[in-house]
Amino acid sequence: MKIVFLESARKDVRNAYDWYEAKQGGLGNKFVQEVIEYSQKLKQMNIEYRKYIADTQYIRLQRFPFSIFFLKETDKQVSIIAGLFNRQDILKILRKRK
């Protein structure tokens, strides 16, 4: 299965990386590693993740207060549409991106 990060999601992850790096050197790299690890979990076809709105599902990172929002486009592709801190107005942001 192919995992595709849309540009909006890439920007979200870059911004979070910058924020964590500003807090502590190397923390941004740990954050990105966890994002990659969790995005790879989406390749497991038989796992259903929580739905947020409509067909948008999400998975929360364990170490960081951050969630990955995605759509299962087909059996062969998952599109990651956002990566957001859990305290943001997620619903408002996702509605703008659809």
Protein backbone atom coordinates (compact mmCIF):
# COMPACT_ATOMS: atom_id res chain seq x y z
CA MET A 1 0.00 0.00 0.00
CA LYS A 2 1.22 3.47 -0.86
CA ILE A 3 1.21 6.23 1.77
CA VAL A 4 0.95 9.73 0.29
CA PHE A 5 1.48 12.88 2.35
CA LEU A 6 -0.44 15.75 0.78
CA GLU A 7 1.41 19.08 0.74
CA SER A 8 -0.78 20.39 3.57
CA ALA A 9 0.24 17.45 5.76
CA ARG A 10 3.92 17.88 4.88
CA LYS A 11 3.67 21.51 5.92
CA ASP A 12 2.02 20.51 9.21
CA VAL A 13 4.82 18.07 9.99
CA ARG A 14 7.53 20.60 9.02
CA ASN A 15 5.98 23.24 11.28
CA ALA A 16 5.75 20.80 14.19
CA TYR A 17 9.35 19.68 13.56
CA ASP A 18 10.52 23.30 13.71
CA TRP A 19 8.56 23.89 16.91
CA TYR A 20 10.04 20.81 18.64
CA GLU A 21 13.57 21.62 17.46
CA ALA A 22 13.22 25.12 18.92
CA LYS A 23 12.26 23.56 22.26
CA GLN A 24 15.14 21.07 22.34
CA GLY A 25 17.72 20.08 19.75
CA GLY A 26 17.06 16.59 18.38
CA LEU A 27 13.45 16.48 19.58
CA GLY A 28 12.22 17.38 16.10
CA ASN A 29 14.00 14.33 14.67
CA LYS A 30 12.37 12.08 17.27
CA PHE A 31 9.01 13.59 16.36
CA VAL A 32 9.50 12.93 12.63
CA GLN A 33 10.60 9.36 13.35
CA GLU A 34 7.37 8.76 15.25
CA VAL A 35 5.30 10.30 12.44
CA ILE A 36 6.98 7.94 9.95
CA GLU A 37 6.50 4.94 12.24
CA TYR A 38 2.80 5.64 12.73
CA SER A 39 2.16 6.46 9.08
CA GLN A 40 3.64 3.06 8.15
CA LYS A 41 1.09 1.40 10.44
CA LEU A 42 -1.59 2.61 8.03
CA LYS A 43 -0.40 0.01 5.51
CA GLN A 44 -2.09 -2.71 7.53
CA MET A 45 -5.31 -3.10 5.57
CA ASN A 46 -7.40 -4.90 8.16
CA ILE A 47 -7.07 -2.28 10.89
CA GLU A 48 -9.85 0.28 11.22
CA TYR A 49 -8.85 3.53 12.87
CA ARG A 50 -11.14 6.03 14.54
CA LYS A 51 -13.23 8.16 12.24
CA TYR A 52 -13.17 11.88 12.83
CA ILE A 53 -15.56 13.28 10.24
CA ALA A 54 -17.06 11.53 7.21
CA ASP A 55 -14.36 9.21 5.79
CA THR A 56 -11.50 10.98 7.54
CA GLN A 57 -9.77 8.70 10.02
CA TYR A 58 -6.96 9.43 12.44
CA ILE A 59 -4.24 7.88 14.52
CA ARG A 60 -2.68 9.56 17.56
CA LEU A 61 1.03 9.48 18.17
CA GLN A 62 2.06 7.98 21.48
CA ARG A 63 4.87 10.26 22.60
CA PHE A 64 3.72 13.57 21.12
CA PRO A 65 0.30 15.30 21.37
CA PHE A 66 -0.17 15.04 17.61
CA SER A 67 -2.56 13.14 15.33
CA ILE A 68 -2.32 12.06 11.71
CA PHE A 69 -5.53 12.46 9.68
CA PHE A 70 -5.96 10.38 6.56
CA LEU A 71 -8.30 8.99 3.92
CA LYS A 72 -8.16 5.44 2.58
CA GLU A 73 -8.46 6.35 -1.08
CA THR A 74 -8.30 2.76 -2.38
CA ASP A 75 -7.00 -0.59 -1.23
CA LYS A 76 -3.66 0.55 -2.59
CA GLN A 77 -3.37 4.13 -1.33
CA VAL A 78 -3.79 6.13 1.86
CA SER A 79 -3.63 9.92 1.64
CA ILE A 80 -2.49 11.78 4.72
CA ILE A 81 -4.31 15.09 4.66
CA ALA A 82 -3.16 16.64 7.93
CA GLY A 83 -0.93 16.29 10.92
CA LEU A 84 -2.18 18.42 13.78
CA PHE A 85 -1.50 19.12 17.44
CA ASN A 86 -4.37 17.68 19.45
CA ARG A 87 -5.24 21.07 20.99
CA GLN A 88 -5.87 22.82 17.69
CA ASP A 89 -9.35 23.40 16.29
CA ILE A 90 -9.06 20.25 14.23
CA LEU A 91 -12.60 20.20 12.86
CA LYS A 92 -12.30 23.74 11.52
CA ILE A 93 -8.93 22.98 9.88
CA LEU A 94 -10.11 19.74 8.26
CA ARG A 95 -13.26 21.32 6.86
CA LYS A 96 -11.13 23.95 5.11
CA ARG A 97 -8.94 21.25 3.54
CA LYS A 98 -11.71 19.17 2.01
